[in-house]
Amino acid sequence: MVTVSLCMIVKNEEDKLKACLDSVKDLVDEMIIVDTGSTDKTVEIAESYGAKVFHFEWTGNFSDARNYSFEQATCDFIYSADADETIDEENQERFKKLKEDIDLLDIDVVQMYYCNQLSYNTVYNYDRELRPKLFRRIRKFVWEDPIHEMVKVDSVVCNSDVEIQHNPSENHGERDLIAFRNTINSGEYISKRLHNLYARELFMVGTDTDFLLAKKFFEESAADNTRDLDQIKEASCVLAHIAAMENNAELLLKYSLKDLTTIPSSEMCYELGNYYRKKGDLDEAIVWYYNAVYESTPILNIHIGGDYALQKISECYRELGNLEQAEDYEKEANKWTIPSN
């Protein structure tokens, strides 16, 4: 049977760490805990489980800390976890069976289902999603990106049936948006993946101020001929939202056309609906909200192509005095659920 190193980076996790380690203590053969400056009992708790605790001076880059934790591992495989994750008994058994079987397979990375992602309005659009979690150590995997870090995968990957419960106790949205801004201000290039996550985070948790602070970056992105169509559409959605906020019809037209000349996004249709509603043209607003749901696809926030736009249609009909239509669309909004990924 293969051996597994647990690798974690932590800071002030005394409220969550015990539950996490309890759920994996019988699954792993060593625990590597990298602390980035805790002032509570996090280190004491980790040491009580026999963990090897390392202290790492925070650089502002999550990948730096992740890579350092991987460097300390000595087992066949590395299991990367966060303190707000747990594995229940049924999935602990699946994990044990995986350890028995994986040595017979030429596998470098195992993906597991990350569940309960939508708690606290996280940046993800699906509640259950496969993520790479178990890595063959000798492949020397490297984490990339300073925030929402991800391992660069160019190897043999398999999917498992192991489910991990994500148990967030707070919304990290504003913290993440600050990190995005700090990364940009430092002059670091924002990868395609982070470009998407920054735009997503804005649409999911961003305030008007957050959008305005992001304006310069996305203006430069929309004009950058090295960015691909996906990134230009994301930037255009952000900038259209700002244009609608500022009641700037010229800029709204400019950025909506960048999106609508290809397959339209729900986000752009939704912003046009917001603009016309603000102008008092409720009939035109309904047309664009309808398009957001039924004639386009969300690229940043899945709710915009569903219950958000349906609720807006209901509100417009109510303002027009058409209560029957308003109630019908309100019912549609209330029964809408996120489609399975």
Protein backbone atom coordinates (compact mmCIF):
# COMPACT_ATOMS: atom_id res chain seq x y z
CA MET A 1 0.00 0.00 0.00
CA VAL A 2 1.26 3.49 -0.82
CA THR A 3 2.07 6.02 1.88
CA VAL A 4 0.55 9.50 1.99
CA SER A 5 1.82 12.80 3.35
CA LEU A 6 -0.79 15.33 4.41
CA CYS A 7 0.39 18.82 3.40
CA MET A 8 -1.39 21.91 4.71
CA ILE A 9 -0.76 25.62 5.07
CA VAL A 10 -2.49 27.24 8.03
CA LYS A 11 -2.87 30.46 9.95
CA ASN A 12 -5.12 30.93 13.01
CA GLU A 13 -7.20 27.82 12.35
CA GLU A 14 -7.77 26.66 15.95
CA ASP A 15 -11.56 26.50 15.42
CA LYS A 16 -11.35 24.17 12.41
CA LEU A 17 -8.05 22.29 12.51
CA LYS A 18 -9.03 19.59 15.01
CA ALA A 19 -12.03 18.43 12.95
CA CYS A 20 -9.92 18.36 9.82
CA LEU A 21 -7.09 16.34 11.35
CA ASP A 22 -9.51 13.96 13.11
CA SER A 23 -11.00 13.12 9.72
CA VAL A 24 -7.65 12.28 8.06
CA LYS A 25 -5.45 11.01 10.88
CA ASP A 26 -6.11 7.34 9.97
CA LEU A 27 -5.63 7.99 6.23
CA VAL A 28 -2.20 9.60 6.13
CA ASP A 29 1.24 8.44 7.20
CA GLU A 30 2.69 11.82 8.07
CA MET A 31 1.30 15.30 8.62
CA ILE A 32 3.16 18.32 7.26
CA ILE A 33 1.71 21.55 8.69
CA VAL A 34 3.19 24.83 7.41
CA ASP A 35 2.19 27.73 9.64
CA THR A 36 2.33 31.24 8.17
CA GLY A 37 2.06 33.24 11.38
CA SER A 38 -0.62 31.93 13.74
CA THR A 39 -1.20 33.77 17.00
CA ASP A 40 -3.76 31.30 18.40
CA LYS A 41 -3.44 27.59 19.34
CA THR A 42 -3.11 26.32 15.76
CA VAL A 43 0.49 25.12 16.16
CA GLU A 44 -0.25 23.52 19.53
CA ILE A 45 -3.17 21.58 18.05
CA ALA A 46 -1.12 20.42 15.07
CA GLU A 47 1.70 19.20 17.32
CA SER A 48 -0.80 17.27 19.47
CA TYR A 49 -1.53 15.10 16.40
CA GLY A 50 2.16 14.41 15.87
CA ALA A 51 2.39 16.74 12.91
CA LYS A 52 5.70 18.06 11.66
CA VAL A 53 5.20 21.81 11.98
CA PHE A 54 7.21 24.21 9.84
CA HIS A 55 7.14 27.99 10.07
CA PHE A 56 7.03 29.95 6.82
CA GLU A 57 7.24 33.70 6.50
CA TRP A 58 4.21 34.81 4.52
CA THR A 59 5.11 36.27 1.11
CA GLY A 60 1.59 37.19 0.06
CA ASN A 61 1.63 34.28 -2.40
CA PHE A 62 -0.29 31.10 -1.53
CA SER A 63 1.67 29.07 -4.10
CA ASP A 64 4.97 29.85 -2.34
CA ALA A 65 3.62 28.36 0.88
CA ARG A 66 2.07 25.34 -0.88
CA ASN A 67 5.31 24.59 -2.70
CA TYR A 68 7.24 24.82 0.57
CA SER A 69 4.85 22.33 2.20
CA PHE A 70 5.30 19.87 -0.69
CA GLU A 71 9.08 20.12 -0.32
CA GLN A 72 8.82 18.75 3.24
CA ALA A 73 6.87 15.61 2.29
CA THR A 74 8.58 12.18 2.30
CA CYS A 75 5.78 9.72 1.41
CA ASP A 76 4.76 8.22 -1.94
CA PHE A 77 1.82 10.58 -2.41
CA ILE A 78 0.87 14.01 -1.11
CA TYR A 79 -2.66 14.85 -0.02
CA SER A 80 -3.21 18.63 -0.10
CA ALA A 81 -5.87 19.91 2.28
CA ASP A 82 -7.19 23.07 3.90
CA ALA A 83 -8.23 23.39 7.53
CA ASP A 84 -11.90 23.86 6.64
CA GLU A 85 -12.14 20.46 4.94
CA THR A 86 -13.34 17.18 6.44
CA ILE A 87 -13.87 13.63 5.17
CA ASP A 88 -16.78 11.62 6.63
CA GLU A 89 -16.60 7.92 7.55
CA GLU A 90 -17.98 6.63 4.25
CA ASN A 91 -15.41 8.60 2.28
CA GLN A 92 -12.62 7.66 4.66
CA GLU A 93 -13.27 4.06 3.63
CA ARG A 94 -13.17 5.08 -0.03
CA PHE A 95 -9.85 6.84 0.60
CA LYS A 96 -8.39 3.72 2.26
CA LYS A 97 -9.49 1.58 -0.70
CA LEU A 98 -7.91 4.12 -3.04
CA LYS A 99 -4.60 3.76 -1.19
CA GLU A 100 -4.76 -0.01 -1.73
CA ASP A 101 -5.56 0.25 -5.43
CA ILE A 102 -3.46 3.17 -6.59
CA ASP A 103 -0.13 1.35 -6.40
CA LEU A 104 -1.39 -0.98 -9.14
CA LEU A 105 -2.07 1.95 -11.47
CA ASP A 106 0.24 4.30 -13.36
CA ILE A 107 -1.40 7.38 -11.85
CA ASP A 108 0.22 10.71 -10.94
CA VAL A 109 -2.79 12.73 -9.77
CA VAL A 110 -6.10 11.71 -8.22
CA GLN A 111 -9.07 14.05 -8.34
CA MET A 112 -11.68 14.00 -5.60
CA TYR A 113 -15.10 15.63 -5.33
CA TYR A 114 -15.03 18.95 -3.50
CA CYS A 115 -18.48 19.42 -1.99
CA ASN A 116 -20.43 22.24 -0.38
CA GLN A 117 -18.58 24.83 -2.46
CA LEU A 118 -21.45 27.29 -2.58
CA SER A 119 -21.49 28.07 1.12
CA TYR A 120 -20.72 31.73 1.80
CA ASN A 121 -21.08 32.59 -1.89
CA THR A 122 -17.66 31.30 -2.90
CA VAL A 123 -16.17 31.99 -6.31
CA TYR A 124 -17.27 28.59 -7.63
CA ASN A 125 -20.50 28.00 -9.56
CA TYR A 126 -21.10 24.35 -8.67
CA ASP A 127 -21.61 22.74 -5.29
CA ARG A 128 -19.78 19.50 -6.19
CA GLU A 129 -16.75 19.60 -8.44
CA LEU A 130 -13.72 17.43 -9.11
CA ARG A 131 -10.39 18.85 -7.96
CA PRO A 132 -6.86 17.42 -7.97
CA LYS A 133 -6.11 16.48 -4.35
CA LEU A 134 -3.63 13.57 -4.29
CA PHE A 135 -0.24 13.89 -6.01
CA ARG A 136 2.59 11.43 -6.59
CA ARG A 137 5.50 13.06 -4.74
CA ILE A 138 8.36 12.14 -7.09
CA ARG A 139 6.66 14.08 -9.92
CA LYS A 140 7.57 17.33 -8.09
CA PHE A 141 4.32 19.15 -8.75
CA VAL A 142 4.50 22.94 -8.56
CA TRP A 143 1.74 25.29 -7.43
CA GLU A 144 1.03 28.35 -9.59
CA ASP A 145 -0.69 31.72 -9.05
CA PRO A 146 -0.49 33.86 -5.90
CA ILE A 147 -4.22 33.44 -5.07
CA HIS A 148 -6.68 30.60 -5.78
CA GLU A 149 -3.49 28.63 -6.33
CA MET A 150 -3.57 25.52 -8.51
CA VAL A 151 -1.09 22.77 -9.31
CA LYS A 152 0.18 22.77 -12.88
CA VAL A 153 -0.96 19.39 -14.17
CA ASP A 154 0.72 17.67 -17.11
CA SER A 155 0.48 14.05 -16.09
CA VAL A 156 -1.75 10.99 -15.80
CA VAL A 157 -4.89 11.97 -13.88
CA CYS A 158 -7.70 9.76 -12.62
CA ASN A 159 -11.00 10.57 -10.94
CA SER A 160 -12.03 8.94 -7.67
CA ASP A 161 -15.35 8.71 -5.83
CA VAL A 162 -13.95 10.27 -2.64
CA GLU A 163 -15.94 13.29 -1.46
CA ILE A 164 -14.44 16.07 0.67
CA GLN A 165 -16.68 18.42 2.62
CA HIS A 166 -15.77 22.08 2.49
CA ASN A 167 -16.87 23.80 5.71
CA PRO A 168 -16.20 27.54 5.39
CA SER A 169 -17.02 29.67 8.40
CA GLU A 170 -16.66 33.01 6.63
CA ASN A 171 -16.71 34.66 3.23
CA HIS A 172 -13.19 35.33 1.91
CA GLY A 173 -14.43 37.42 -1.00
CA GLU A 174 -13.15 40.81 0.11
CA ARG A 175 -9.83 39.29 1.24
CA ASP A 176 -9.45 37.69 -2.19
CA LEU A 177 -10.33 40.89 -4.05
CA ILE A 178 -7.69 42.76 -2.06
CA ALA A 179 -5.19 40.02 -2.95
CA PHE A 180 -6.05 40.37 -6.64
CA ARG A 181 -5.48 44.11 -6.48
CA ASN A 182 -2.18 43.69 -4.61
CA THR A 183 -0.99 41.16 -7.19
CA ILE A 184 -1.84 43.51 -10.06
CA ASN A 185 -0.23 46.48 -8.32
CA SER A 186 2.96 44.46 -7.82
CA GLY A 187 3.23 44.13 -11.59
CA GLU A 188 2.66 40.38 -11.69
CA TYR A 189 0.98 39.06 -14.83
CA ILE A 190 -2.55 37.77 -14.26
CA SER A 191 -2.95 34.36 -15.88
CA LYS A 192 -6.04 33.37 -17.86
CA ARG A 193 -7.28 31.30 -14.93
CA LEU A 194 -6.86 34.16 -12.44
CA HIS A 195 -8.40 36.61 -14.92
CA ASN A 196 -11.54 34.47 -14.90
CA LEU A 197 -11.54 34.10 -11.12
CA TYR A 198 -11.09 37.85 -10.56
CA ALA A 199 -14.06 38.62 -12.82
CA ARG A 200 -16.11 35.86 -11.16
CA GLU A 201 -15.32 37.14 -7.69
CA LEU A 202 -16.42 40.64 -8.67
CA PHE A 203 -19.77 39.43 -9.96
CA MET A 204 -20.36 37.20 -6.96
CA VAL A 205 -19.29 39.37 -4.03
CA GLY A 206 -17.92 42.65 -5.39
CA THR A 207 -19.24 46.02 -4.25
CA ASP A 208 -19.49 49.06 -6.51
CA THR A 209 -16.15 50.19 -5.06
CA ASP A 210 -14.55 46.84 -5.89
CA PHE A 211 -15.71 47.16 -9.50
CA LEU A 212 -14.35 50.70 -9.78
CA LEU A 213 -11.00 49.63 -8.33
CA ALA A 214 -10.84 46.90 -10.99
CA LYS A 215 -11.71 49.24 -13.86
CA LYS A 216 -8.17 50.11 -15.01
CA PHE A 217 -7.03 46.49 -15.05
CA PHE A 218 -9.98 45.28 -17.11
CA GLU A 219 -9.76 48.27 -19.49
CA GLU A 220 -6.16 47.28 -20.20
CA SER A 221 -7.19 43.63 -20.48
CA ALA A 222 -9.98 44.37 -22.98
CA ALA A 223 -7.46 46.24 -25.15
CA ASP A 224 -4.69 43.65 -24.79
CA ASN A 225 -4.31 41.71 -28.05
CA THR A 226 -2.48 38.92 -26.22
CA ARG A 227 -5.65 38.09 -24.25
CA ASP A 228 -7.96 35.55 -25.87
CA LEU A 229 -11.70 35.88 -26.60
CA ASP A 230 -12.74 34.40 -23.25
CA GLN A 231 -10.76 37.01 -21.34
CA ILE A 232 -11.98 39.87 -23.54
CA LYS A 233 -15.58 38.79 -22.91
CA GLU A 234 -14.92 38.61 -19.16
CA ALA A 235 -13.35 42.07 -19.16
CA SER A 236 -16.21 43.43 -21.25
CA CYS A 237 -18.77 42.12 -18.76
CA VAL A 238 -16.97 43.85 -15.88
CA LEU A 239 -16.68 47.09 -17.82
CA ALA A 240 -20.33 46.95 -18.95
CA HIS A 241 -21.35 46.59 -15.31
CA ILE A 242 -19.33 49.71 -14.47
CA ALA A 243 -20.81 51.57 -17.46
CA ALA A 244 -24.33 50.70 -16.30
CA MET A 245 -23.42 51.84 -12.77
CA GLU A 246 -22.19 55.15 -14.17
CA ASN A 247 -25.12 55.46 -16.63
CA ASN A 248 -22.58 55.73 -19.47
CA ALA A 249 -24.47 54.60 -22.58
CA GLU A 250 -21.48 55.05 -24.91
CA LEU A 251 -19.23 52.74 -22.95
CA LEU A 252 -22.04 50.25 -22.35
CA LEU A 253 -22.53 50.05 -26.13
CA LYS A 254 -18.79 49.67 -26.71
CA TYR A 255 -18.36 46.75 -24.33
CA SER A 256 -21.69 45.06 -25.01
CA LEU A 257 -20.79 44.89 -28.71
CA LYS A 258 -17.51 43.15 -27.85
CA ASP A 259 -19.57 40.43 -26.19
CA LEU A 260 -22.65 40.30 -28.42
CA THR A 261 -20.73 39.85 -31.69
CA THR A 262 -20.06 36.29 -30.48
CA ILE A 263 -22.32 33.97 -28.48
CA PRO A 264 -23.80 36.41 -25.93
CA SER A 265 -23.18 35.94 -22.23
CA SER A 266 -25.95 36.04 -19.66
CA GLU A 267 -23.95 38.64 -17.75
CA MET A 268 -24.00 41.10 -20.65
CA CYS A 269 -27.73 40.60 -21.27
CA TYR A 270 -28.33 41.13 -17.56
CA GLU A 271 -26.34 44.39 -17.55
CA LEU A 272 -28.37 45.67 -20.51
CA GLY A 273 -31.51 44.76 -18.60
CA ASN A 274 -30.24 46.72 -15.60
CA TYR A 275 -29.46 49.71 -17.80
CA TYR A 276 -32.90 49.86 -19.41
CA ARG A 277 -34.64 49.29 -16.10
CA LYS A 278 -32.71 52.18 -14.60
CA LYS A 279 -33.78 54.31 -17.58
CA GLY A 280 -37.41 53.39 -16.91
CA ASP A 281 -37.83 51.30 -20.10
CA LEU A 282 -39.24 48.22 -18.36
CA ASP A 283 -40.38 46.46 -21.53
CA GLU A 284 -36.86 46.59 -22.98
CA ALA A 285 -35.39 45.55 -19.63
CA ILE A 286 -37.61 42.45 -19.64
CA VAL A 287 -36.37 41.52 -23.12
CA TRP A 288 -32.74 41.54 -21.97
CA TYR A 289 -33.41 39.77 -18.66
CA TYR A 290 -35.30 37.12 -20.65
CA ASN A 291 -32.30 36.77 -22.97
CA ALA A 292 -30.05 36.35 -19.92
CA VAL A 293 -32.05 33.27 -18.91
CA TYR A 294 -33.20 31.67 -22.14
CA GLU A 295 -30.99 32.89 -25.02
CA SER A 296 -27.49 33.03 -23.57
CA THR A 297 -25.06 31.30 -21.21
CA PRO A 298 -23.45 32.60 -18.00
CA ILE A 299 -19.65 32.78 -18.03
CA LEU A 300 -19.00 34.20 -14.54
CA ASN A 301 -21.95 33.79 -12.17
CA ILE A 302 -24.38 30.98 -12.94
CA HIS A 303 -27.17 32.69 -10.98
CA ILE A 304 -27.26 35.55 -13.49
CA GLY A 305 -28.52 33.09 -16.11
CA GLY A 306 -31.11 31.80 -13.68
CA ASP A 307 -32.81 33.01 -10.53
CA TYR A 308 -31.29 36.51 -10.53
CA ALA A 309 -32.64 37.41 -13.98
CA LEU A 310 -35.96 35.63 -13.37
CA GLN A 311 -36.46 37.70 -10.23
CA LYS A 312 -35.70 40.88 -12.17
CA ILE A 313 -38.35 39.96 -14.77
CA SER A 314 -40.85 39.45 -11.97
CA GLU A 315 -40.00 42.83 -10.47
CA CYS A 316 -40.41 44.57 -13.84
CA TYR A 317 -43.81 43.00 -14.45
CA ARG A 318 -44.87 44.00 -10.95
CA GLU A 319 -43.87 47.59 -11.64
CA LEU A 320 -45.88 47.45 -14.87
CA GLY A 321 -48.91 46.26 -12.92
CA ASN A 322 -48.96 42.81 -14.52
CA LEU A 323 -49.23 40.84 -11.29
CA GLU A 324 -50.02 37.49 -12.91
CA GLN A 325 -46.81 37.51 -14.96
CA ALA A 326 -44.90 38.82 -11.95
CA GLU A 327 -46.06 35.89 -9.81
CA ASP A 328 -45.28 33.35 -12.57
CA TYR A 329 -41.68 34.54 -12.90
CA GLU A 330 -41.25 34.79 -9.14
CA LYS A 331 -42.27 31.13 -8.87
CA GLU A 332 -39.76 30.28 -11.61
CA ALA A 333 -37.03 32.14 -9.72
CA ASN A 334 -37.86 30.39 -6.43
CA LYS A 335 -37.82 26.89 -7.91
CA TRP A 336 -34.67 27.44 -10.01
CA THR A 337 -31.74 25.29 -8.95
CA ILE A 338 -28.13 25.20 -10.05
CA PRO A 339 -27.81 22.60 -12.83
CA SER A 340 -25.58 19.61 -12.20
CA ASN A 341 -22.03 20.09 -13.37
